[in-house]
N, C-alpha and C. Protein backbone atom coordinates (compact mmCIF):
# COMPACT_ATOMS: atom_id res chain seq x y z
N SER A 1 0.84 -1.19 0.00
CA SER A 1 0.00 0.00 0.00
C SER A 1 0.88 1.25 0.00
N THR A 2 0.35 2.32 -0.51
CA THR A 2 1.11 3.58 -0.60
C THR A 2 0.66 4.59 0.45
N LEU A 3 -0.01 4.12 1.48
CA LEU A 3 -0.53 5.02 2.51
C LEU A 3 0.60 5.79 3.19
N HIS A 4 1.73 5.14 3.44
CA HIS A 4 2.84 5.82 4.10
C HIS A 4 3.39 6.96 3.25
N LEU A 5 3.36 6.81 1.93
CA LEU A 5 3.82 7.88 1.04
C LEU A 5 2.86 9.05 1.05
N VAL A 6 1.56 8.75 1.03
CA VAL A 6 0.56 9.80 1.04
C VAL A 6 0.62 10.58 2.35
N LEU A 7 0.81 9.89 3.46
CA LEU A 7 0.89 10.57 4.75
C LEU A 7 2.10 11.49 4.81
N ARG A 8 3.22 11.07 4.27
CA ARG A 8 4.42 11.91 4.28
C ARG A 8 4.23 13.13 3.42
N LEU A 9 3.58 12.98 2.26
CA LEU A 9 3.35 14.12 1.37
C LEU A 9 2.40 15.13 1.99
N ARG A 10 1.43 14.66 2.74
CA ARG A 10 0.46 15.54 3.38
C ARG A 10 0.97 16.11 4.70
N GLY A 11 2.12 15.70 5.13
CA GLY A 11 2.68 16.21 6.37
C GLY A 11 2.33 15.38 7.58
N GLY A 12 1.66 14.28 7.38
CA GLY A 12 1.30 13.42 8.50
C GLY A 12 2.34 12.34 8.69
N GLY A 13 2.06 11.40 9.53
CA GLY A 13 3.00 10.30 9.75
C GLY A 13 4.02 10.65 10.79
N LYS A 14 5.16 9.99 10.72
CA LYS A 14 6.22 10.12 11.72
C LYS A 14 6.83 11.52 11.69
N LYS A 15 6.88 12.17 12.82
CA LYS A 15 7.52 13.49 12.95
C LYS A 15 8.90 13.28 13.57
N THR A 16 9.90 13.79 12.92
CA THR A 16 11.25 13.64 13.44
C THR A 16 11.71 14.96 14.04
N VAL A 17 12.48 14.87 15.10
CA VAL A 17 12.96 16.04 15.83
C VAL A 17 14.47 16.17 15.59
N CYS A 18 14.93 17.39 15.61
CA CYS A 18 16.35 17.70 15.42
C CYS A 18 17.21 16.91 16.39
N ALA A 19 18.35 16.40 15.90
CA ALA A 19 19.25 15.59 16.72
C ALA A 19 20.14 16.43 17.63
N ASN A 20 20.11 17.77 17.46
CA ASN A 20 20.92 18.64 18.32
C ASN A 20 20.33 18.66 19.73
N GLU A 21 21.19 18.53 20.72
CA GLU A 21 20.74 18.45 22.11
C GLU A 21 20.01 19.72 22.53
N GLY A 22 18.80 19.57 23.04
CA GLY A 22 18.00 20.70 23.52
C GLY A 22 17.13 21.35 22.47
N CYS A 23 17.23 20.95 21.22
CA CYS A 23 16.43 21.53 20.15
C CYS A 23 15.19 20.66 19.91
N THR A 24 14.04 21.31 19.76
CA THR A 24 12.80 20.58 19.50
C THR A 24 12.27 20.88 18.11
N GLY A 25 13.08 21.47 17.25
CA GLY A 25 12.67 21.80 15.89
C GLY A 25 12.49 20.55 15.04
N ARG A 26 11.65 20.68 14.02
CA ARG A 26 11.43 19.56 13.10
C ARG A 26 12.57 19.48 12.09
N VAL A 27 12.87 18.28 11.70
CA VAL A 27 13.96 18.03 10.74
C VAL A 27 13.58 18.59 9.37
N ALA A 28 14.54 19.28 8.75
CA ALA A 28 14.37 19.75 7.38
C ALA A 28 14.62 18.54 6.47
N MET A 29 13.62 18.14 5.71
CA MET A 29 13.66 16.88 4.97
C MET A 29 14.86 16.70 4.05
N ILE A 30 15.11 17.63 3.16
CA ILE A 30 16.16 17.42 2.16
C ILE A 30 17.50 17.97 2.63
N ILE A 31 17.50 19.16 3.21
CA ILE A 31 18.76 19.81 3.58
C ILE A 31 19.21 19.51 4.99
N GLY A 32 18.42 18.81 5.79
CA GLY A 32 18.74 18.60 7.19
C GLY A 32 19.62 17.40 7.49
N HIS A 33 19.95 16.59 6.50
CA HIS A 33 20.76 15.39 6.74
C HIS A 33 22.24 15.74 6.60
N CYS A 34 23.02 15.46 7.64
CA CYS A 34 24.46 15.71 7.62
C CYS A 34 25.16 14.49 7.03
N ASN A 35 25.92 14.70 5.98
CA ASN A 35 26.61 13.59 5.32
C ASN A 35 27.83 13.11 6.10
N TYR A 36 28.26 13.90 7.09
CA TYR A 36 29.46 13.54 7.83
C TYR A 36 29.14 12.70 9.06
N CYS A 37 28.16 13.13 9.87
CA CYS A 37 27.81 12.36 11.07
C CYS A 37 26.55 11.51 10.88
N LYS A 38 25.92 11.62 9.71
CA LYS A 38 24.76 10.80 9.33
C LYS A 38 23.55 11.00 10.26
N MET A 39 23.37 12.22 10.77
CA MET A 39 22.23 12.54 11.62
C MET A 39 21.36 13.58 10.94
N ASP A 40 20.12 13.74 11.43
CA ASP A 40 19.17 14.69 10.83
C ASP A 40 18.97 15.88 11.76
N PHE A 41 18.93 17.10 11.16
CA PHE A 41 18.83 18.33 11.93
C PHE A 41 17.79 19.26 11.33
N CYS A 42 17.38 20.25 12.14
CA CYS A 42 16.44 21.26 11.68
C CYS A 42 17.19 22.27 10.80
N GLY A 43 16.47 23.24 10.26
CA GLY A 43 17.09 24.23 9.39
C GLY A 43 18.15 25.07 10.09
N THR A 44 17.99 25.30 11.38
CA THR A 44 18.96 26.11 12.13
C THR A 44 20.27 25.36 12.35
N HIS A 45 20.19 24.06 12.60
CA HIS A 45 21.38 23.26 12.94
C HIS A 45 21.86 22.38 11.79
N ARG A 46 21.47 22.67 10.57
CA ARG A 46 21.80 21.79 9.44
C ARG A 46 23.27 21.84 9.03
N LEU A 47 23.95 22.93 9.30
CA LEU A 47 25.36 23.05 8.92
C LEU A 47 26.26 22.38 9.96
N PRO A 48 27.36 21.77 9.54
CA PRO A 48 28.26 21.08 10.48
C PRO A 48 28.78 22.01 11.59
N GLU A 49 28.99 23.29 11.27
CA GLU A 49 29.49 24.24 12.26
C GLU A 49 28.46 24.52 13.34
N THR A 50 27.18 24.53 13.00
CA THR A 50 26.15 24.91 13.96
C THR A 50 25.73 23.75 14.87
N HIS A 51 25.91 22.51 14.44
CA HIS A 51 25.54 21.40 15.33
C HIS A 51 26.77 20.71 15.93
N CYS A 52 27.92 21.38 15.86
CA CYS A 52 29.17 20.85 16.43
C CYS A 52 29.39 19.40 15.98
N CYS A 53 29.46 19.24 14.68
CA CYS A 53 29.58 17.91 14.06
C CYS A 53 30.80 17.17 14.60
N GLU A 54 30.60 15.92 14.96
CA GLU A 54 31.68 15.09 15.48
C GLU A 54 32.71 14.78 14.39
N ALA A 55 32.28 14.85 13.15
CA ALA A 55 33.17 14.54 12.03
C ALA A 55 33.69 15.82 11.37
N MET A 56 33.82 16.90 12.15
CA MET A 56 34.25 18.19 11.61
C MET A 56 35.64 18.13 11.01
N ALA A 57 36.54 17.33 11.57
CA ALA A 57 37.91 17.23 11.05
C ALA A 57 37.90 16.67 9.63
N SER A 58 37.10 15.64 9.38
CA SER A 58 37.04 15.07 8.03
C SER A 58 36.35 16.03 7.08
N CYS A 59 35.39 16.79 7.58
CA CYS A 59 34.69 17.79 6.77
C CYS A 59 35.68 18.87 6.31
N LYS A 60 36.48 19.37 7.25
CA LYS A 60 37.47 20.40 6.91
C LYS A 60 38.54 19.85 5.97
N ALA A 61 38.96 18.61 6.19
CA ALA A 61 39.98 18.01 5.33
C ALA A 61 39.45 17.84 3.91
N GLN A 62 38.20 17.44 3.79
CA GLN A 62 37.61 17.27 2.46
C GLN A 62 37.51 18.62 1.74
N ALA A 63 37.07 19.68 2.45
CA ALA A 63 36.98 21.01 1.86
C ALA A 63 38.37 21.52 1.48
N PHE A 64 39.38 21.25 2.32
CA PHE A 64 40.74 21.66 2.02
C PHE A 64 41.25 21.00 0.75
N ASN A 65 41.00 19.70 0.60
CA ASN A 65 41.46 18.97 -0.59
C ASN A 65 40.77 19.44 -1.85
N ILE A 66 39.49 19.77 -1.75
CA ILE A 66 38.76 20.29 -2.93
C ILE A 66 39.35 21.63 -3.35
N ASN A 67 39.58 22.53 -2.37
CA ASN A 67 40.16 23.83 -2.69
C ASN A 67 41.57 23.69 -3.22
N LYS A 68 42.33 22.76 -2.67
CA LYS A 68 43.70 22.54 -3.12
C LYS A 68 43.74 22.11 -4.58
N SER A 69 42.87 21.18 -4.94
CA SER A 69 42.85 20.71 -6.34
C SER A 69 42.40 21.80 -7.30
N LYS A 70 41.47 22.67 -6.86
CA LYS A 70 41.04 23.79 -7.71
C LYS A 70 42.18 24.78 -7.93
N LEU A 71 42.89 25.09 -6.85
CA LEU A 71 44.00 26.04 -6.96
C LEU A 71 45.14 25.49 -7.79
N GLU A 72 45.44 24.22 -7.67
CA GLU A 72 46.50 23.63 -8.46
C GLU A 72 46.14 23.58 -9.94
N ALA A 73 44.86 23.46 -10.24
CA ALA A 73 44.43 23.44 -11.63
C ALA A 73 44.54 24.83 -12.26
N GLU A 74 44.47 25.89 -11.44
CA GLU A 74 44.55 27.26 -11.95
C GLU A 74 45.95 27.84 -11.89
N LYS A 75 46.94 27.02 -11.57
CA LYS A 75 48.31 27.50 -11.40
C LYS A 75 48.83 28.11 -12.70
N CYS A 76 49.42 29.30 -12.57
CA CYS A 76 49.98 29.97 -13.74
C CYS A 76 51.39 29.47 -13.97
N VAL A 77 51.72 29.24 -15.22
CA VAL A 77 53.04 28.78 -15.59
C VAL A 77 53.63 29.81 -16.53
N ALA A 78 54.84 30.25 -16.24
CA ALA A 78 55.49 31.26 -17.08
C ALA A 78 55.80 30.65 -18.45
N ALA A 79 55.68 31.47 -19.45
CA ALA A 79 55.95 31.02 -20.83
C ALA A 79 57.45 30.80 -21.00
N LYS A 80 57.80 29.75 -21.69
CA LYS A 80 59.22 29.46 -21.94
C LYS A 80 59.70 30.35 -23.07
N VAL A 81 60.88 30.92 -22.87
CA VAL A 81 61.40 31.85 -23.86
C VAL A 81 62.33 31.15 -24.82
């Protein structure tokens, strides 16, 4: 049966609460999932910095490596004379 899908679309069914300690906000469905600690958060705590993500070190390392590869790709090389 597709009743569970209909209930979710209408806003009914299981209500999930933000995983941040002390917060009672509802989880933001698409943007509230943290890919680093695999938990669900409300719109206020959705960013790793705001919910004190336990996997912040890997998050920073991944961002550093992405920026590093972009900068290395844009490296200027002097023309050979």
